[in-house]
């Protein structure tokens, strides 16, 4: 498990808001006030991924204010990216006033004052989101150009923005299973996706290193594979064609990322993992095994049985009976 977690129910009522504010304040230096401080509720998972921090947060409406005096007193020189999943927020920053709703992203920096808060702090409805804090010096783009992105809604429904949002949500969901050995690699992936997305928004993709562009291509490919695991026609040639690269280049960059594992082997492994989860799910015990196999890209039940037995040492039926 990576990082630190906080659940308000683990603390006495009178300490909850201060304890929550202390954890969030590790990377977001601001004044926090809430109309619900006396009976606060919040849940935070803080993932420390090398120099990058990712926070999965759910909390009752709270206002975060970093005034000019705080900026003058100290500046950690961080960018703050926020992906809002539920609730509404307003942001005043870098001369802009904007409002954000579910699935919106916005960027702020610690070197400038900001005021971020709920549009209605009286409503006892949780705000949910994922935040990313990272050193400004690690972004390979000119700060004066990044300033163009501050304080406004950023598109995250398609392209690299959607890939980044999906990756951040996936990190948050898998927080309990991630290991310390994964931390720095995952932080690097986040930085590469951020760099590629910002460069795309500013039409500066030529400023990125070939290594960063290659890493983003790999993450695009992995996301494409995950979205199409159900398709039995998902093969390396199909994947290469969908990303406008040669088959040999696909194999080369994939094996560099996966330490020698082939594309086909990675696909099969993910399909079998998904089928295994479904077979162990009590709510799916009424679903025929052949239907689960087809759902995960195995149209022939016999092929699925052989592949499953080779990995788990038992047939899908035997596995389901033992886990049920």
C-alpha atoms as a PDB file:
ATOM      1  CA  UNK A   1       0.000   0.000   0.000  1.00  0.00           C
ATOM      2  CA  UNK A   2       1.291   3.466  -0.893  1.00  0.00           C
ATOM      3  CA  UNK A   3       0.752   6.660   1.052  1.00  0.00           C
ATOM      4  CA  UNK A   4      -1.576   7.709   3.846  1.00  0.00           C
ATOM      5  CA  UNK A   5      -5.307   7.469   4.369  1.00  0.00           C
ATOM      6  CA  UNK A   6      -7.791   9.419   6.456  1.00  0.00           C
ATOM      7  CA  UNK A   7     -11.354   8.574   7.403  1.00  0.00           C
ATOM      8  CA  UNK A   8     -13.164  11.061   9.575  1.00  0.00           C
ATOM      9  CA  UNK A   9     -15.012   8.340  11.491  1.00  0.00           C
ATOM     10  CA  UNK A  10     -11.663   7.199  12.904  1.00  0.00           C
ATOM     11  CA  UNK A  11     -11.360  10.450  14.874  1.00  0.00           C
ATOM     12  CA  UNK A  12     -13.414  12.193  17.573  1.00  0.00           C
ATOM     13  CA  UNK A  13     -15.923  14.594  16.060  1.00  0.00           C
ATOM     14  CA  UNK A  14     -14.178  17.681  17.413  1.00  0.00           C
ATOM     15  CA  UNK A  15     -10.826  16.668  15.831  1.00  0.00           C
ATOM     16  CA  UNK A  16     -11.993  15.542  12.401  1.00  0.00           C
ATOM     17  CA  UNK A  17     -11.727  18.782  10.456  1.00  0.00           C
ATOM     18  CA  UNK A  18      -8.306  19.708  11.846  1.00  0.00           C
ATOM     19  CA  UNK A  19      -6.901  16.233  11.164  1.00  0.00           C
ATOM     20  CA  UNK A  20      -8.282  16.232   7.621  1.00  0.00           C
ATOM     21  CA  UNK A  21      -6.954  19.739   6.993  1.00  0.00           C
ATOM     22  CA  UNK A  22      -3.520  18.666   8.268  1.00  0.00           C
ATOM     23  CA  UNK A  23      -3.285  15.792   5.774  1.00  0.00           C
ATOM     24  CA  UNK A  24      -4.479  17.822   2.798  1.00  0.00           C
ATOM     25  CA  UNK A  25      -2.102  20.617   3.807  1.00  0.00           C
ATOM     26  CA  UNK A  26       0.920  18.398   3.185  1.00  0.00           C
ATOM     27  CA  UNK A  27       0.867  19.420  -0.451  1.00  0.00           C
ATOM     28  CA  UNK A  28      -1.817  22.110  -0.727  1.00  0.00           C
ATOM     29  CA  UNK A  29      -0.732  25.065   1.382  1.00  0.00           C
ATOM     30  CA  UNK A  30      -3.917  27.060   1.891  1.00  0.00           C
ATOM     31  CA  UNK A  31      -6.396  28.173   4.523  1.00  0.00           C
ATOM     32  CA  UNK A  32      -9.310  25.756   4.757  1.00  0.00           C
ATOM     33  CA  UNK A  33     -12.676  26.707   6.202  1.00  0.00           C
ATOM     34  CA  UNK A  34     -15.961  24.807   6.197  1.00  0.00           C
ATOM     35  CA  UNK A  35     -19.475  25.505   7.354  1.00  0.00           C
ATOM     36  CA  UNK A  36     -19.482  21.851   8.415  1.00  0.00           C
ATOM     37  CA  UNK A  37     -16.273  21.926  10.495  1.00  0.00           C
ATOM     38  CA  UNK A  38     -18.108  21.147  13.764  1.00  0.00           C
ATOM     39  CA  UNK A  39     -19.503  17.900  12.296  1.00  0.00           C
ATOM     40  CA  UNK A  40     -17.128  17.215   9.459  1.00  0.00           C
ATOM     41  CA  UNK A  41     -16.963  14.216   7.179  1.00  0.00           C
ATOM     42  CA  UNK A  42     -14.107  13.419   4.845  1.00  0.00           C
ATOM     43  CA  UNK A  43     -12.206  10.561   3.255  1.00  0.00           C
ATOM     44  CA  UNK A  44      -8.743  10.974   1.723  1.00  0.00           C
ATOM     45  CA  UNK A  45      -6.180   8.604   0.240  1.00  0.00           C
ATOM     46  CA  UNK A  46      -2.878  10.367  -0.375  1.00  0.00           C
ATOM     47  CA  UNK A  47      -0.565   8.512  -2.774  1.00  0.00           C
ATOM     48  CA  UNK A  48       3.069   9.594  -2.756  1.00  0.00           C
ATOM     49  CA  UNK A  49       4.475   8.670  -6.161  1.00  0.00           C
ATOM     50  CA  UNK A  50       8.009  10.018  -6.012  1.00  0.00           C
ATOM     51  CA  UNK A  51       7.770  13.801  -6.522  1.00  0.00           C
ATOM     52  CA  UNK A  52       4.121  13.487  -7.564  1.00  0.00           C
ATOM     53  CA  UNK A  53       1.257  13.304  -5.076  1.00  0.00           C
ATOM     54  CA  UNK A  54      -2.166  11.989  -6.077  1.00  0.00           C
ATOM     55  CA  UNK A  55      -5.097  12.478  -3.707  1.00  0.00           C
ATOM     56  CA  UNK A  56      -8.445  10.741  -3.874  1.00  0.00           C
ATOM     57  CA  UNK A  57     -10.802  12.916  -1.871  1.00  0.00           C
ATOM     58  CA  UNK A  58     -14.403  12.979  -0.696  1.00  0.00           C
ATOM     59  CA  UNK A  59     -15.402  15.714   1.757  1.00  0.00           C
ATOM     60  CA  UNK A  60     -18.183  18.033   2.840  1.00  0.00           C
ATOM     61  CA  UNK A  61     -18.055  21.488   1.192  1.00  0.00           C
ATOM     62  CA  UNK A  62     -14.858  23.321   2.126  1.00  0.00           C
ATOM     63  CA  UNK A  63     -13.239  26.517   0.906  1.00  0.00           C
ATOM     64  CA  UNK A  64      -9.497  26.636   0.162  1.00  0.00           C
ATOM     65  CA  UNK A  65      -7.900  30.061   0.064  1.00  0.00           C
ATOM     66  CA  UNK A  66      -4.269  30.853  -0.636  1.00  0.00           C
ATOM     67  CA  UNK A  67      -3.932  34.599  -0.233  1.00  0.00           C
ATOM     68  CA  UNK A  68      -1.115  36.921  -1.328  1.00  0.00           C
ATOM     69  CA  UNK A  69       0.406  36.882   2.151  1.00  0.00           C
ATOM     70  CA  UNK A  70       0.703  33.084   2.072  1.00  0.00           C
ATOM     71  CA  UNK A  71       2.350  33.221  -1.337  1.00  0.00           C
ATOM     72  CA  UNK A  72       4.874  35.802  -0.084  1.00  0.00           C
ATOM     73  CA  UNK A  73       5.588  33.829   3.075  1.00  0.00           C
ATOM     74  CA  UNK A  74       6.438  30.547   1.319  1.00  0.00           C
ATOM     75  CA  UNK A  75       5.994  28.959  -2.070  1.00  0.00           C
ATOM     76  CA  UNK A  76       6.516  25.220  -2.648  1.00  0.00           C
ATOM     77  CA  UNK A  77       6.341  25.952  -6.408  1.00  0.00           C
ATOM     78  CA  UNK A  78       3.768  23.315  -7.215  1.00  0.00           C
ATOM     79  CA  UNK A  79       1.092  22.913  -9.834  1.00  0.00           C
ATOM     80  CA  UNK A  80      -2.257  21.641  -8.584  1.00  0.00           C
ATOM     81  CA  UNK A  81      -4.467  19.741 -11.021  1.00  0.00           C
ATOM     82  CA  UNK A  82      -7.965  18.777  -9.883  1.00  0.00           C
ATOM     83  CA  UNK A  83     -10.412  16.363 -11.497  1.00  0.00           C
ATOM     84  CA  UNK A  84     -13.887  16.883 -10.075  1.00  0.00           C
ATOM     85  CA  UNK A  85     -16.035  13.755  -9.998  1.00  0.00           C
ATOM     86  CA  UNK A  86     -19.075  14.982  -8.068  1.00  0.00           C
ATOM     87  CA  UNK A  87     -20.239  18.342  -6.746  1.00  0.00           C
ATOM     88  CA  UNK A  88     -19.682  21.914  -7.915  1.00  0.00           C
ATOM     89  CA  UNK A  89     -16.802  24.292  -7.249  1.00  0.00           C
ATOM     90  CA  UNK A  90     -15.887  27.850  -8.115  1.00  0.00           C
ATOM     91  CA  UNK A  91     -12.294  28.986  -8.658  1.00  0.00           C
ATOM     92  CA  UNK A  92     -10.802  32.469  -8.661  1.00  0.00           C
ATOM     93  CA  UNK A  93      -7.231  32.294  -9.914  1.00  0.00           C
ATOM     94  CA  UNK A  94      -4.837  34.008 -12.326  1.00  0.00           C
ATOM     95  CA  UNK A  95      -7.363  36.709 -13.156  1.00  0.00           C
ATOM     96  CA  UNK A  96     -10.103  34.228 -14.023  1.00  0.00           C
ATOM     97  CA  UNK A  97     -13.357  33.213 -12.338  1.00  0.00           C
ATOM     98  CA  UNK A  98     -14.699  29.811 -13.334  1.00  0.00           C
ATOM     99  CA  UNK A  99     -17.162  27.180 -12.196  1.00  0.00           C
ATOM    100  CA  UNK A 100     -16.644  23.456 -12.433  1.00  0.00           C
ATOM    101  CA  UNK A 101     -18.868  20.403 -12.311  1.00  0.00           C
ATOM    102  CA  UNK A 102     -18.445  16.637 -12.576  1.00  0.00           C
ATOM    103  CA  UNK A 103     -15.635  15.469 -14.920  1.00  0.00           C
ATOM    104  CA  UNK A 104     -14.169  18.972 -15.247  1.00  0.00           C
ATOM    105  CA  UNK A 105     -10.446  19.522 -14.748  1.00  0.00           C
ATOM    106  CA  UNK A 106      -8.693  22.686 -13.673  1.00  0.00           C
ATOM    107  CA  UNK A 107      -5.127  23.782 -12.997  1.00  0.00           C
ATOM    108  CA  UNK A 108      -3.770  26.147 -10.342  1.00  0.00           C
ATOM    109  CA  UNK A 109      -0.290  27.001  -9.077  1.00  0.00           C
ATOM    110  CA  UNK A 110       1.034  27.741  -5.613  1.00  0.00           C
ATOM    111  CA  UNK A 111       2.913  30.839  -6.823  1.00  0.00           C
ATOM    112  CA  UNK A 112      -0.325  32.790  -7.284  1.00  0.00           C
ATOM    113  CA  UNK A 113      -3.260  33.408  -4.941  1.00  0.00           C
ATOM    114  CA  UNK A 114      -6.351  31.284  -5.420  1.00  0.00           C
ATOM    115  CA  UNK A 115      -9.771  30.916  -3.885  1.00  0.00           C
ATOM    116  CA  UNK A 116     -11.488  27.565  -4.454  1.00  0.00           C
ATOM    117  CA  UNK A 117     -14.779  26.695  -2.849  1.00  0.00           C
ATOM    118  CA  UNK A 118     -18.265  25.253  -3.196  1.00  0.00           C
ATOM    119  CA  UNK A 119     -20.949  27.151  -5.030  1.00  0.00           C
ATOM    120  CA  UNK A 120     -23.244  26.437  -2.062  1.00  0.00           C
ATOM    121  CA  UNK A 121     -21.398  25.614   1.159  1.00  0.00           C
ATOM    122  CA  UNK A 122     -24.624  25.185   3.143  1.00  0.00           C
ATOM    123  CA  UNK A 123     -25.642  22.020   1.336  1.00  0.00           C
ATOM    124  CA  UNK A 124     -24.414  18.904   3.115  1.00  0.00           C
ATOM    125  CA  UNK A 125     -23.402  17.105  -0.057  1.00  0.00           C
ATOM    126  CA  UNK A 126     -19.951  15.583  -0.494  1.00  0.00           C
ATOM    127  CA  UNK A 127     -17.518  16.899  -3.062  1.00  0.00           C
ATOM    128  CA  UNK A 128     -15.555  14.096  -4.721  1.00  0.00           C
ATOM    129  CA  UNK A 129     -12.477  14.261  -6.878  1.00  0.00           C
ATOM    130  CA  UNK A 130      -8.866  13.381  -7.576  1.00  0.00           C
ATOM    131  CA  UNK A 131      -6.065  15.904  -7.174  1.00  0.00           C
ATOM    132  CA  UNK A 132      -2.488  15.872  -8.488  1.00  0.00           C
ATOM    133  CA  UNK A 133       0.291  18.015  -7.018  1.00  0.00           C
ATOM    134  CA  UNK A 134       3.672  18.120  -8.752  1.00  0.00           C
ATOM    135  CA  UNK A 135       6.741  20.420  -8.881  1.00  0.00           C
ATOM    136  CA  UNK A 136       6.575  23.099 -11.531  1.00  0.00           C
ATOM    137  CA  UNK A 137      10.212  22.431 -12.405  1.00  0.00           C
ATOM    138  CA  UNK A 138       9.365  18.912 -13.636  1.00  0.00           C
ATOM    139  CA  UNK A 139       7.003  20.096 -16.361  1.00  0.00           C
ATOM    140  CA  UNK A 140       9.067  20.409 -19.589  1.00  0.00           C
ATOM    141  CA  UNK A 141       7.077  23.387 -20.867  1.00  0.00           C
ATOM    142  CA  UNK A 142       7.582  27.176 -20.543  1.00  0.00           C
ATOM    143  CA  UNK A 143       5.830  28.539 -17.406  1.00  0.00           C
ATOM    144  CA  UNK A 144       4.549  31.575 -19.297  1.00  0.00           C
ATOM    145  CA  UNK A 145       2.696  29.260 -21.674  1.00  0.00           C
ATOM    146  CA  UNK A 146       1.341  27.073 -18.857  1.00  0.00           C
ATOM    147  CA  UNK A 147      -0.090  30.279 -17.378  1.00  0.00           C
ATOM    148  CA  UNK A 148      -2.586  30.226 -20.261  1.00  0.00           C
ATOM    149  CA  UNK A 149      -4.180  27.124 -18.716  1.00  0.00           C
ATOM    150  CA  UNK A 150      -4.546  28.366 -15.144  1.00  0.00           C
ATOM    151  CA  UNK A 151      -7.935  28.921 -13.549  1.00  0.00           C
ATOM    152  CA  UNK A 152     -10.126  27.675 -16.384  1.00  0.00           C
ATOM    153  CA  UNK A 153     -11.908  24.484 -17.339  1.00  0.00           C
ATOM    154  CA  UNK A 154      -9.717  22.079 -19.270  1.00  0.00           C
ATOM    155  CA  UNK A 155     -11.166  19.472 -21.656  1.00  0.00           C
ATOM    156  CA  UNK A 156     -10.805  15.945 -20.351  1.00  0.00           C
ATOM    157  CA  UNK A 157     -13.391  14.054 -22.378  1.00  0.00           C
ATOM    158  CA  UNK A 158     -11.182  13.004 -25.284  1.00  0.00           C
ATOM    159  CA  UNK A 159      -7.603  12.474 -26.363  1.00  0.00           C
ATOM    160  CA  UNK A 160      -4.783  12.596 -23.841  1.00  0.00           C
ATOM    161  CA  UNK A 161      -6.993  14.481 -21.367  1.00  0.00           C
ATOM    162  CA  UNK A 162      -9.401  11.552 -21.226  1.00  0.00           C
ATOM    163  CA  UNK A 163      -6.480   9.141 -20.931  1.00  0.00           C
ATOM    164  CA  UNK A 164      -5.091  11.143 -17.995  1.00  0.00           C
ATOM    165  CA  UNK A 165      -8.470  11.315 -16.255  1.00  0.00           C
ATOM    166  CA  UNK A 166      -8.989   7.574 -16.693  1.00  0.00           C
ATOM    167  CA  UNK A 167      -5.509   6.851 -15.354  1.00  0.00           C
ATOM    168  CA  UNK A 168      -6.050   9.034 -12.260  1.00  0.00           C
ATOM    169  CA  UNK A 169      -9.404   7.436 -11.468  1.00  0.00           C
ATOM    170  CA  UNK A 170      -7.828   3.997 -11.907  1.00  0.00           C
ATOM    171  CA  UNK A 171      -5.014   4.905  -9.514  1.00  0.00           C
ATOM    172  CA  UNK A 172      -7.557   6.018  -6.935  1.00  0.00           C
ATOM    173  CA  UNK A 173      -9.522   2.792  -7.265  1.00  0.00           C
ATOM    174  CA  UNK A 174      -6.429   0.613  -6.953  1.00  0.00           C
ATOM    175  CA  UNK A 175      -4.881   2.563  -4.072  1.00  0.00           C
ATOM    176  CA  UNK A 176      -5.256  -0.330  -1.620  1.00  0.00           C
ATOM    177  CA  UNK A 177      -3.339  -2.772  -3.824  1.00  0.00           C
ATOM    178  CA  UNK A 178      -0.458  -0.596  -5.048  1.00  0.00           C
ATOM    179  CA  UNK A 179       2.967  -1.321  -3.601  1.00  0.00           C
ATOM    180  CA  UNK A 180       5.833   1.068  -2.708  1.00  0.00           C
ATOM    181  CA  UNK A 181       7.898  -0.424  -5.531  1.00  0.00           C
ATOM    182  CA  UNK A 182       5.269   0.886  -7.988  1.00  0.00           C
ATOM    183  CA  UNK A 183       5.372   4.473  -6.724  1.00  0.00           C
ATOM    184  CA  UNK A 184       8.075   6.174  -8.746  1.00  0.00           C
ATOM    185  CA  UNK A 185       7.107   4.461 -12.023  1.00  0.00           C
ATOM    186  CA  UNK A 186       3.487   5.521 -11.587  1.00  0.00           C
ATOM    187  CA  UNK A 187       4.559   9.077 -10.785  1.00  0.00           C
ATOM    188  CA  UNK A 188       6.574   9.164 -13.996  1.00  0.00           C
ATOM    189  CA  UNK A 189       3.552   7.991 -15.992  1.00  0.00           C
ATOM    190  CA  UNK A 190       1.411  10.758 -14.458  1.00  0.00           C
ATOM    191  CA  UNK A 191       4.030  13.392 -15.333  1.00  0.00           C
ATOM    192  CA  UNK A 192       4.361  12.113 -18.893  1.00  0.00           C
ATOM    193  CA  UNK A 193       0.594  12.185 -19.402  1.00  0.00           C
ATOM    194  CA  UNK A 194       0.343  15.679 -17.899  1.00  0.00           C
ATOM    195  CA  UNK A 195       3.178  16.947 -20.089  1.00  0.00           C
ATOM    196  CA  UNK A 196       1.682  15.444 -23.244  1.00  0.00           C
ATOM    197  CA  UNK A 197      -1.792  16.783 -22.465  1.00  0.00           C
ATOM    198  CA  UNK A 198      -0.631  20.320 -21.691  1.00  0.00           C
ATOM    199  CA  UNK A 199       1.584  20.322 -24.790  1.00  0.00           C
ATOM    200  CA  UNK A 200      -1.408  19.220 -26.866  1.00  0.00           C
ATOM    201  CA  UNK A 201      -3.598  21.979 -25.424  1.00  0.00           C
ATOM    202  CA  UNK A 202      -0.929  24.586 -26.213  1.00  0.00           C
ATOM    203  CA  UNK A 203       0.071  23.107 -29.578  1.00  0.00           C
ATOM    204  CA  UNK A 204       3.594  22.510 -28.299  1.00  0.00           C
ATOM    205  CA  UNK A 205       3.971  18.762 -28.770  1.00  0.00           C
ATOM    206  CA  UNK A 206       7.294  19.272 -30.553  1.00  0.00           C
ATOM    207  CA  UNK A 207       8.725  20.489 -27.228  1.00  0.00           C
ATOM    208  CA  UNK A 208       8.362  17.029 -25.677  1.00  0.00           C
ATOM    209  CA  UNK A 209      11.207  14.548 -25.625  1.00  0.00           C
ATOM    210  CA  UNK A 210      10.917  11.422 -27.804  1.00  0.00           C
ATOM    211  CA  UNK A 211      10.936   9.360 -24.591  1.00  0.00           C
ATOM    212  CA  UNK A 212       7.887  11.173 -23.214  1.00  0.00           C
ATOM    213  CA  UNK A 213       6.011  10.826 -26.495  1.00  0.00           C
ATOM    214  CA  UNK A 214       6.797   7.116 -26.578  1.00  0.00           C
ATOM    215  CA  UNK A 215       5.588   6.577 -22.999  1.00  0.00           C
ATOM    216  CA  UNK A 216       2.320   8.350 -23.766  1.00  0.00           C
ATOM    217  CA  UNK A 217       1.873   6.199 -26.864  1.00  0.00           C
ATOM    218  CA  UNK A 218       2.271   3.097 -24.699  1.00  0.00           C
ATOM    219  CA  UNK A 219      -0.337   4.357 -22.209  1.00  0.00           C
ATOM    220  CA  UNK A 220      -2.719   5.082 -25.087  1.00  0.00           C
ATOM    221  CA  UNK A 221      -2.224   1.538 -26.334  1.00  0.00           C
ATOM    222  CA  UNK A 222      -2.838   0.048 -22.882  1.00  0.00           C
ATOM    223  CA  UNK A 223      -6.026   2.066 -22.476  1.00  0.00           C
ATOM    224  CA  UNK A 224      -7.185   0.947 -25.928  1.00  0.00           C
ATOM    225  CA  UNK A 225      -6.537  -2.685 -25.034  1.00  0.00           C
ATOM    226  CA  UNK A 226      -8.435  -2.420 -21.725  1.00  0.00           C
ATOM    227  CA  UNK A 227     -11.419  -0.901 -23.497  1.00  0.00           C
ATOM    228  CA  UNK A 228     -11.485  -3.668 -26.104  1.00  0.00           C
ATOM    229  CA  UNK A 229     -10.647  -6.824 -24.153  1.00  0.00           C
ATOM    230  CA  UNK A 230     -14.103  -8.171 -24.977  1.00  0.00           C
ATOM    231  CA  UNK A 231     -13.314  -8.162 -28.711  1.00  0.00           C
ATOM    232  CA  UNK A 232     -11.869 -11.530 -29.880  1.00  0.00           C
ATOM    233  CA  UNK A 233     -10.466  -9.697 -32.920  1.00  0.00           C
ATOM    234  CA  UNK A 234      -8.179  -7.600 -30.695  1.00  0.00           C
ATOM    235  CA  UNK A 235      -4.766  -8.595 -32.054  1.00  0.00           C
ATOM    236  CA  UNK A 236      -1.379  -6.859 -32.339  1.00  0.00           C
ATOM    237  CA  UNK A 237      -1.934  -5.929 -36.024  1.00  0.00           C
ATOM    238  CA  UNK A 238      -5.326  -4.387 -35.163  1.00  0.00           C
ATOM    239  CA  UNK A 239      -3.778  -2.431 -32.271  1.00  0.00           C
ATOM    240  CA  UNK A 240      -0.885  -1.177 -34.404  1.00  0.00           C
ATOM    241  CA  UNK A 241      -3.261  -0.055 -37.173  1.00  0.00           C
ATOM    242  CA  UNK A 242      -5.515   1.758 -34.682  1.00  0.00           C
ATOM    243  CA  UNK A 243      -2.535   3.797 -33.471  1.00  0.00           C
ATOM    244  CA  UNK A 244      -0.950   4.370 -36.882  1.00  0.00           C
ATOM    245  CA  UNK A 245       2.303   2.609 -35.987  1.00  0.00           C
ATOM    246  CA  UNK A 246       4.089  -0.398 -37.430  1.00  0.00           C
ATOM    247  CA  UNK A 247       3.681  -3.828 -35.894  1.00  0.00           C
ATOM    248  CA  UNK A 248       7.418  -4.048 -35.185  1.00  0.00           C
ATOM    249  CA  UNK A 249       7.359  -0.666 -33.369  1.00  0.00           C
ATOM    250  CA  UNK A 250       4.380  -1.825 -31.299  1.00  0.00           C
ATOM    251  CA  UNK A 251       6.216  -4.942 -30.175  1.00  0.00           C
ATOM    252  CA  UNK A 252       9.408  -3.010 -29.433  1.00  0.00           C
ATOM    253  CA  UNK A 253       7.899  -0.264 -27.258  1.00  0.00           C
ATOM    254  CA  UNK A 254       5.554  -2.693 -25.530  1.00  0.00           C
ATOM    255  CA  UNK A 255       8.299  -5.077 -24.510  1.00  0.00           C
ATOM    256  CA  UNK A 256      10.371  -2.169 -23.180  1.00  0.00           C
ATOM    257  CA  UNK A 257       7.444  -1.139 -20.979  1.00  0.00           C
ATOM    258  CA  UNK A 258       6.392  -4.626 -19.855  1.00  0.00           C
ATOM    259  CA  UNK A 259       9.889  -6.053 -19.298  1.00  0.00           C
ATOM    260  CA  UNK A 260       9.725  -8.513 -22.177  1.00  0.00           C
ATOM    261  CA  UNK A 261       6.058  -9.551 -22.022  1.00  0.00           C
ATOM    262  CA  UNK A 262       4.493  -9.713 -25.479  1.00  0.00           C
ATOM    263  CA  UNK A 263       1.363  -7.824 -26.483  1.00  0.00           C
ATOM    264  CA  UNK A 264      -0.603 -11.044 -26.955  1.00  0.00           C
ATOM    265  CA  UNK A 265       0.493 -12.384 -23.561  1.00  0.00           C
ATOM    266  CA  UNK A 266      -0.502  -9.127 -21.836  1.00  0.00           C
ATOM    267  CA  UNK A 267      -3.940  -9.241 -23.470  1.00  0.00           C
ATOM    268  CA  UNK A 268      -4.497 -12.868 -22.469  1.00  0.00           C
ATOM    269  CA  UNK A 269      -3.402 -12.192 -18.896  1.00  0.00           C
ATOM    270  CA  UNK A 270      -5.822  -9.256 -18.513  1.00  0.00           C
ATOM    271  CA  UNK A 271      -8.681 -11.258 -20.040  1.00  0.00           C
ATOM    272  CA  UNK A 272      -8.104 -14.150 -17.645  1.00  0.00           C
ATOM    273  CA  UNK A 273      -7.881 -11.763 -14.688  1.00  0.00           C
ATOM    274  CA  UNK A 274     -11.219 -10.218 -15.640  1.00  0.00           C
ATOM    275  CA  UNK A 275     -12.862 -13.603 -16.106  1.00  0.00           C
ATOM    276  CA  UNK A 276     -11.475 -14.799 -12.776  1.00  0.00           C
ATOM    277  CA  UNK A 277     -13.013 -11.797 -10.985  1.00  0.00           C
ATOM    278  CA  UNK A 278     -16.375 -12.453 -12.611  1.00  0.00           C
ATOM    279  CA  UNK A 279     -16.298 -16.142 -11.720  1.00  0.00           C
ATOM    280  CA  UNK A 280     -15.609 -15.268  -8.078  1.00  0.00           C
ATOM    281  CA  UNK A 281     -18.347 -12.596  -7.968  1.00  0.00           C
ATOM    282  CA  UNK A 282     -21.414 -13.972  -6.081  1.00  0.00           C
ATOM    283  CA  UNK A 283     -23.695 -11.618  -7.989  1.00  0.00           C
ATOM    284  CA  UNK A 284     -22.672 -13.333 -11.272  1.00  0.00           C
ATOM    285  CA  UNK A 285     -23.065 -16.951 -10.168  1.00  0.00           C
ATOM    286  CA  UNK A 286     -26.172 -17.232 -12.322  1.00  0.00           C
ATOM    287  CA  UNK A 287     -24.282 -16.144 -15.439  1.00  0.00           C
ATOM    288  CA  UNK A 288     -23.167 -19.114 -17.587  1.00  0.00           C
ATOM    289  CA  UNK A 289     -19.434 -19.644 -17.776  1.00  0.00           C
ATOM    290  CA  UNK A 290     -19.470 -19.467 -21.572  1.00  0.00           C
ATOM    291  CA  UNK A 291     -21.098 -16.004 -21.321  1.00  0.00           C
ATOM    292  CA  UNK A 292     -18.355 -14.792 -18.982  1.00  0.00           C
ATOM    293  CA  UNK A 293     -15.749 -16.227 -21.346  1.00  0.00           C
ATOM    294  CA  UNK A 294     -17.293 -14.383 -24.303  1.00  0.00           C
ATOM    295  CA  UNK A 295     -17.446 -11.170 -22.284  1.00  0.00           C
ATOM    296  CA  UNK A 296     -13.668 -11.353 -21.906  1.00  0.00           C
ATOM    297  CA  UNK A 297     -12.796 -12.122 -25.500  1.00  0.00           C
ATOM    298  CA  UNK A 298     -12.984 -15.943 -25.504  1.00  0.00           C
ATOM    299  CA  UNK A 299     -15.753 -16.868 -27.996  1.00  0.00           C
ATOM    300  CA  UNK A 300     -14.868 -20.589 -27.771  1.00  0.00           C
ATOM    301  CA  UNK A 301     -15.544 -22.035 -24.321  1.00  0.00           C
ATOM    302  CA  UNK A 302     -12.975 -24.798 -24.869  1.00  0.00           C
ATOM    303  CA  UNK A 303     -10.217 -22.233 -25.523  1.00  0.00           C
ATOM    304  CA  UNK A 304     -11.170 -20.389 -22.348  1.00  0.00           C
ATOM    305  CA  UNK A 305     -11.137 -23.580 -20.271  1.00  0.00           C
ATOM    306  CA  UNK A 306      -7.672 -24.544 -21.517  1.00  0.00           C
ATOM    307  CA  UNK A 307      -6.238 -21.083 -20.938  1.00  0.00           C
ATOM    308  CA  UNK A 308      -7.814 -20.797 -17.487  1.00  0.00           C
ATOM    309  CA  UNK A 309      -6.602 -24.245 -16.410  1.00  0.00           C
ATOM    310  CA  UNK A 310      -3.064 -23.505 -17.632  1.00  0.00           C
ATOM    311  CA  UNK A 311      -2.877 -20.449 -15.338  1.00  0.00           C
ATOM    312  CA  UNK A 312      -4.935 -21.516 -12.312  1.00  0.00           C
ATOM    313  CA  UNK A 313      -4.521 -25.298 -12.327  1.00  0.00           C
ATOM    314  CA  UNK A 314      -8.255 -25.926 -12.382  1.00  0.00           C
ATOM    315  CA  UNK A 315     -11.186 -25.467 -14.730  1.00  0.00           C
ATOM    316  CA  UNK A 316     -13.404 -22.378 -14.559  1.00  0.00           C
ATOM    317  CA  UNK A 317     -16.225 -24.536 -13.176  1.00  0.00           C
ATOM    318  CA  UNK A 318     -14.011 -25.951 -10.420  1.00  0.00           C
ATOM    319  CA  UNK A 319     -12.774 -22.461  -9.555  1.00  0.00           C
ATOM    320  CA  UNK A 320     -16.319 -21.087  -9.314  1.00  0.00           C
ATOM    321  CA  UNK A 321     -17.438 -23.938  -7.033  1.00  0.00           C
ATOM    322  CA  UNK A 322     -14.466 -23.421  -4.693  1.00  0.00           C
ATOM    323  CA  UNK A 323     -14.879 -19.664  -4.464  1.00  0.00           C
ATOM    324  CA  UNK A 324     -18.663 -19.808  -4.131  1.00  0.00           C
END
